[in-house]
């Protein structure tokens, strides 16, 4: 059952979710609400921030939730109300994060990933403490939110990985992408492709087959999108992608990977969502799903 009210989820293009704690008490105050989109109090109740998620689609107007230094554009800020008086991992103050808050944060993140088509990787779902080492965006000695009293001895990165595993389990009902093992068929412009599958009830098509069949060209990529030319004279279009290995597991992009290295990964393991490919950001073609034959058709 969804726990985020539908009115809190505007249509917007979002790239990632960054998890935080407020550094305050267990209840949200006006300062907290201005900095984050969704806040989680000690009883597990959600509080809506004063800035819409849509405000962070672009931050050039100065009207947005400023939750992460240098990384607010396209980023949803989710926070737990806690940690007042904490000074370091050995002194968590009188308001440490509660396991109930952590569990609700998993549920909230899973719903946001599903609604905004955000893949669960260490570059797209991450704690504030992970932003600098993973994305290379300098922060001011942030260590939130991966210090938990019930996970002693674990590093922030181990807790971050555990959090992402729990989010994936909420999305799929299992710990990996096992729901997608049974492939589907994709038909694009009359051509049939068998390397397609369903993940979180969304159809994905392997990009390498499409590139080889239609002579498309990858002209660039970052950790979130791949830039494609559908013909030699066409304007490049940028589409989100996910990476899936031969064992049907999501692949994370290593910190510091160059565009060329990311392109190599995409050529080998990249998948694009059928509805993104069919949209006006891609081929701008109609799309249809036949549940009886498990076939997605574009064009």
Protein backbone atom coordinates (compact mmCIF):
# COMPACT_ATOMS: atom_id res chain seq x y z
CA UNK A 1 0.00 0.00 0.00
CA UNK A 2 1.34 3.42 -0.94
CA UNK A 3 2.28 5.65 1.98
CA UNK A 4 3.15 8.83 0.04
CA UNK A 5 0.03 10.86 -0.82
CA UNK A 6 -0.42 11.13 -4.58
CA UNK A 7 -0.63 14.92 -4.34
CA UNK A 8 2.99 14.98 -3.12
CA UNK A 9 4.23 13.39 -6.38
CA UNK A 10 4.12 15.89 -9.25
CA UNK A 11 5.10 14.85 -12.75
CA UNK A 12 8.78 15.73 -13.03
CA UNK A 13 12.02 14.35 -14.43
CA UNK A 14 14.13 13.32 -11.44
CA UNK A 15 17.52 11.62 -11.55
CA UNK A 16 18.24 10.46 -8.02
CA UNK A 17 17.20 10.28 -4.36
CA UNK A 18 19.56 11.49 -1.64
CA UNK A 19 18.91 10.36 1.94
CA UNK A 20 19.65 12.54 4.98
CA UNK A 21 19.00 13.21 8.62
CA UNK A 22 17.99 16.69 9.77
CA UNK A 23 20.38 16.98 12.70
CA UNK A 24 17.41 18.03 14.82
CA UNK A 25 14.83 16.49 17.10
CA UNK A 26 12.23 13.88 16.20
CA UNK A 27 9.70 16.39 14.83
CA UNK A 28 10.08 18.49 11.67
CA UNK A 29 10.41 22.25 12.03
CA UNK A 30 10.12 25.00 9.42
CA UNK A 31 13.84 24.98 8.66
CA UNK A 32 13.75 21.22 8.05
CA UNK A 33 10.72 21.53 5.78
CA UNK A 34 12.45 24.16 3.63
CA UNK A 35 15.45 21.88 3.01
CA UNK A 36 13.82 18.53 2.19
CA UNK A 37 10.92 17.19 0.13
CA UNK A 38 9.76 14.41 2.46
CA UNK A 39 10.52 14.17 6.17
CA UNK A 40 10.06 11.16 8.48
CA UNK A 41 9.28 11.77 12.16
CA UNK A 42 9.88 9.38 15.07
CA UNK A 43 6.41 7.81 14.87
CA UNK A 44 6.94 7.05 11.18
CA UNK A 45 4.59 9.80 10.03
CA UNK A 46 5.53 11.66 6.86
CA UNK A 47 5.74 15.44 6.63
CA UNK A 48 5.67 17.31 3.33
CA UNK A 49 8.47 19.80 2.76
CA UNK A 50 7.71 23.37 1.75
CA UNK A 51 9.27 22.91 -1.69
CA UNK A 52 7.73 20.61 -4.29
CA UNK A 53 9.80 17.82 -5.81
CA UNK A 54 9.17 19.56 -9.14
CA UNK A 55 11.03 22.65 -7.86
CA UNK A 56 14.25 20.62 -8.05
CA UNK A 57 13.83 19.81 -11.72
CA UNK A 58 15.79 23.02 -12.25
CA UNK A 59 17.53 25.06 -9.58
CA UNK A 60 18.51 28.05 -11.71
CA UNK A 61 15.64 30.14 -10.31
CA UNK A 62 16.81 29.68 -6.72
CA UNK A 63 13.48 28.15 -5.68
CA UNK A 64 14.18 24.58 -4.61
CA UNK A 65 14.93 22.34 -1.62
CA UNK A 66 18.66 22.86 -0.99
CA UNK A 67 19.39 19.54 0.68
CA UNK A 68 22.74 18.64 -0.93
CA UNK A 69 25.54 21.04 -1.84
CA UNK A 70 26.08 21.15 -5.60
CA UNK A 71 23.70 18.24 -6.25
CA UNK A 72 20.13 19.53 -5.99
CA UNK A 73 19.14 19.58 -9.65
CA UNK A 74 17.12 16.46 -10.37
CA UNK A 75 17.59 15.22 -6.78
CA UNK A 76 14.81 14.33 -4.35
CA UNK A 77 15.72 14.99 -0.72
CA UNK A 78 14.32 12.51 1.83
CA UNK A 79 15.26 12.92 5.47
CA UNK A 80 14.77 11.41 8.89
CA UNK A 81 14.07 13.84 11.75
CA UNK A 82 16.77 12.95 14.26
CA UNK A 83 20.36 13.35 15.52
CA UNK A 84 20.16 16.56 17.55
CA UNK A 85 23.30 16.79 19.69
CA UNK A 86 25.23 14.21 17.66
CA UNK A 87 28.87 15.15 17.14
CA UNK A 88 30.44 12.03 15.64
CA UNK A 89 29.67 8.31 15.12
CA UNK A 90 30.61 7.65 18.74
CA UNK A 91 28.27 10.33 20.10
CA UNK A 92 24.82 10.17 18.52
CA UNK A 93 23.19 12.53 21.00
CA UNK A 94 19.74 12.05 22.55
CA UNK A 95 17.85 11.68 19.26
CA UNK A 96 19.48 8.84 17.27
CA UNK A 97 17.70 7.49 14.23
CA UNK A 98 15.05 4.92 15.13
CA UNK A 99 14.71 1.66 13.23
CA UNK A 100 11.08 2.55 12.49
CA UNK A 101 12.26 5.70 10.73
CA UNK A 102 14.82 3.72 8.73
CA UNK A 103 12.17 1.19 7.67
CA UNK A 104 9.80 3.96 6.55
CA UNK A 105 12.67 5.56 4.62
CA UNK A 106 13.04 2.28 2.70
CA UNK A 107 9.33 2.32 1.83
CA UNK A 108 9.39 5.99 0.79
CA UNK A 109 12.45 5.50 -1.39
CA UNK A 110 10.95 2.46 -3.11
CA UNK A 111 7.77 4.39 -3.94
CA UNK A 112 9.75 7.33 -5.30
CA UNK A 113 11.95 5.04 -7.42
CA UNK A 114 8.86 3.39 -8.85
CA UNK A 115 7.00 6.63 -9.57
CA UNK A 116 9.95 8.51 -11.09
CA UNK A 117 11.61 5.54 -12.85
CA UNK A 118 14.79 5.90 -10.81
CA UNK A 119 17.00 2.79 -10.91
CA UNK A 120 18.41 1.59 -7.60
CA UNK A 121 22.17 2.06 -7.85
CA UNK A 122 24.76 3.69 -5.62
CA UNK A 123 24.70 6.73 -7.95
CA UNK A 124 20.95 7.20 -7.99
CA UNK A 125 19.92 6.15 -4.45
CA UNK A 126 22.53 7.21 -1.93
CA UNK A 127 23.13 8.70 1.47
CA UNK A 128 24.54 12.21 1.88
CA UNK A 129 27.80 10.66 3.12
CA UNK A 130 28.17 8.85 -0.22
CA UNK A 131 27.75 11.91 -2.47
CA UNK A 132 31.37 13.07 -2.41
CA UNK A 133 33.13 9.68 -2.81
CA UNK A 134 30.62 8.29 -5.34
CA UNK A 135 29.56 11.33 -7.39
CA UNK A 136 32.71 13.39 -6.84
CA UNK A 137 30.73 16.44 -5.62
CA UNK A 138 32.50 17.99 -2.65
CA UNK A 139 30.50 18.15 0.58
CA UNK A 140 31.23 19.70 3.98
CA UNK A 141 32.22 16.62 6.03
CA UNK A 142 28.72 15.15 5.90
CA UNK A 143 28.24 11.74 7.53
CA UNK A 144 24.50 11.27 7.34
CA UNK A 145 22.47 9.11 7.43
CA UNK A 146 24.31 5.76 7.56
CA UNK A 147 25.18 5.51 11.25
CA UNK A 148 22.73 3.16 12.92
CA UNK A 149 22.68 1.90 16.51
CA UNK A 150 21.34 -1.52 15.44
CA UNK A 151 24.09 -2.03 12.81
CA UNK A 152 27.26 -1.59 14.89
CA UNK A 153 30.56 -2.11 13.12
CA UNK A 154 29.23 -1.56 9.62
CA UNK A 155 30.69 1.19 7.45
CA UNK A 156 28.42 3.82 5.90
CA UNK A 157 28.94 2.21 2.50
CA UNK A 158 27.95 -1.22 3.80
CA UNK A 159 24.79 0.29 5.30
CA UNK A 160 24.11 2.14 2.04
CA UNK A 161 24.35 -1.13 0.12
CA UNK A 162 22.04 -2.81 2.65
CA UNK A 163 19.54 0.04 2.27
CA UNK A 164 19.56 -0.30 -1.53
CA UNK A 165 19.04 -4.07 -1.23
CA UNK A 166 15.99 -3.45 0.96
CA UNK A 167 14.63 -0.92 -1.54
CA UNK A 168 15.09 -3.42 -4.38
CA UNK A 169 13.26 -6.04 -2.34
CA UNK A 170 10.32 -3.66 -1.88
CA UNK A 171 10.21 -3.02 -5.61
CA UNK A 172 10.50 -6.61 -6.79
CA UNK A 173 9.35 -8.68 -3.85
CA UNK A 174 12.75 -10.39 -3.88
CA UNK A 175 16.29 -9.29 -3.24
CA UNK A 176 17.29 -9.18 -6.91
CA UNK A 177 15.64 -8.85 -10.31
CA UNK A 178 14.37 -12.42 -10.34
CA UNK A 179 10.95 -11.28 -11.49
CA UNK A 180 12.55 -10.33 -14.81
CA UNK A 181 14.15 -13.70 -15.61
CA UNK A 182 11.32 -14.57 -18.01
CA UNK A 183 12.14 -12.48 -21.05
CA UNK A 184 9.55 -10.66 -23.10
CA UNK A 185 9.55 -9.81 -26.80
CA UNK A 186 10.01 -6.32 -28.20
CA UNK A 187 9.06 -5.17 -31.69
CA UNK A 188 10.58 -1.86 -32.79
CA UNK A 189 9.73 -0.46 -36.23
CA UNK A 190 8.70 -3.96 -37.33
CA UNK A 191 11.92 -5.64 -36.14
CA UNK A 192 11.69 -8.33 -33.46
CA UNK A 193 14.03 -8.45 -30.44
CA UNK A 194 14.19 -11.19 -27.82
CA UNK A 195 16.60 -9.53 -25.37
CA UNK A 196 13.93 -7.59 -23.54
CA UNK A 197 12.53 -8.04 -20.05
CA UNK A 198 10.28 -6.62 -17.37
CA UNK A 199 11.65 -4.94 -14.26
CA UNK A 200 9.21 -3.35 -11.78
CA UNK A 201 6.41 -3.88 -14.31
CA UNK A 202 8.26 -1.80 -16.93
CA UNK A 203 9.54 -3.14 -20.23
CA UNK A 204 13.24 -2.76 -21.02
CA UNK A 205 15.05 -3.51 -24.30
CA UNK A 206 18.74 -4.32 -24.63
CA UNK A 207 20.38 -1.38 -26.36
CA UNK A 208 23.12 -3.29 -28.18
CA UNK A 209 20.61 -5.16 -30.34
CA UNK A 210 18.89 -1.92 -31.31
CA UNK A 211 22.18 -0.20 -32.17
CA UNK A 212 23.34 -3.08 -34.33
CA UNK A 213 20.02 -3.47 -36.17
CA UNK A 214 19.30 0.20 -36.84
CA UNK A 215 22.87 1.54 -37.01
CA UNK A 216 22.26 3.97 -34.16
CA UNK A 217 25.25 5.66 -32.56
CA UNK A 218 26.10 6.34 -28.91
CA UNK A 219 27.69 9.80 -28.82
CA UNK A 220 27.97 10.29 -25.06
CA UNK A 221 26.92 9.05 -21.63
CA UNK A 222 27.02 9.84 -17.95
CA UNK A 223 25.89 7.80 -14.94
CA UNK A 224 22.22 8.55 -15.62
CA UNK A 225 21.65 8.93 -19.37
CA UNK A 226 22.98 7.80 -22.72
CA UNK A 227 23.04 10.16 -25.72
CA UNK A 228 21.92 8.49 -28.96
CA UNK A 229 21.81 9.51 -32.61
CA UNK A 230 19.09 7.63 -34.48
CA UNK A 231 20.55 8.67 -37.84
CA UNK A 232 23.69 10.44 -39.03
CA UNK A 233 21.79 13.71 -39.48
CA UNK A 234 19.61 13.47 -36.36
CA UNK A 235 19.97 15.57 -33.22
CA UNK A 236 21.22 13.39 -30.33
CA UNK A 237 18.56 12.35 -27.79
CA UNK A 238 19.33 11.55 -24.14
CA UNK A 239 17.58 8.58 -22.54
CA UNK A 240 17.83 7.04 -19.06
CA UNK A 241 19.36 3.56 -18.96
CA UNK A 242 19.99 0.72 -16.56
CA UNK A 243 22.77 -1.86 -16.56
CA UNK A 244 21.92 -5.54 -16.09
CA UNK A 245 24.49 -8.34 -16.12
CA UNK A 246 24.05 -11.85 -17.52
CA UNK A 247 22.96 -13.10 -14.06
CA UNK A 248 20.12 -10.56 -14.16
CA UNK A 249 21.59 -8.31 -11.47
CA UNK A 250 21.80 -4.53 -11.56
CA UNK A 251 25.30 -3.17 -12.20
CA UNK A 252 26.64 -0.06 -10.45
CA UNK A 253 29.00 2.31 -12.26
CA UNK A 254 32.32 2.61 -10.43
CA UNK A 255 33.27 5.94 -8.93
CA UNK A 256 35.40 8.02 -11.31
CA UNK A 257 34.36 6.15 -14.46
CA UNK A 258 34.95 8.14 -17.64
CA UNK A 259 32.34 8.66 -20.33
CA UNK A 260 34.17 6.15 -22.54
CA UNK A 261 34.11 3.52 -19.78
CA UNK A 262 30.40 4.09 -19.18
CA UNK A 263 29.71 3.78 -22.92
CA UNK A 264 31.54 0.43 -22.95
CA UNK A 265 29.32 -0.79 -20.10
CA UNK A 266 26.20 0.41 -21.92
CA UNK A 267 27.25 -1.32 -25.14
CA UNK A 268 27.62 -4.57 -23.20
CA UNK A 269 24.89 -4.40 -20.55
CA UNK A 270 22.70 -1.36 -21.24
CA UNK A 271 18.90 -1.48 -21.33
CA UNK A 272 16.48 1.37 -22.09
CA UNK A 273 12.85 1.51 -20.99
CA UNK A 274 10.46 0.93 -23.89
CA UNK A 275 8.28 3.87 -22.92
CA UNK A 276 11.31 6.21 -22.78
CA UNK A 277 12.42 5.00 -26.19
CA UNK A 278 8.95 5.57 -27.63
CA UNK A 279 8.50 9.03 -26.07
CA UNK A 280 9.13 12.39 -27.72
CA UNK A 281 12.55 12.31 -26.05
CA UNK A 282 13.35 9.25 -28.15
CA UNK A 283 11.74 7.93 -31.33
CA UNK A 284 8.39 9.73 -30.79
CA UNK A 285 6.41 6.64 -31.82
CA UNK A 286 3.27 4.92 -30.45
CA UNK A 287 3.75 2.08 -27.97
CA UNK A 288 1.54 -0.92 -27.19
CA UNK A 289 1.67 -3.87 -24.78
CA UNK A 290 0.11 -7.28 -25.47
CA UNK A 291 -0.16 -9.19 -22.21
CA UNK A 292 -1.19 -12.45 -23.89
CA UNK A 293 1.98 -12.67 -26.00
CA UNK A 294 4.14 -10.63 -23.59
CA UNK A 295 5.14 -8.30 -26.42
CA UNK A 296 5.85 -4.57 -26.33
CA UNK A 297 5.54 -2.90 -29.72
CA UNK A 298 6.99 0.49 -30.66
CA UNK A 299 5.97 2.00 -33.99
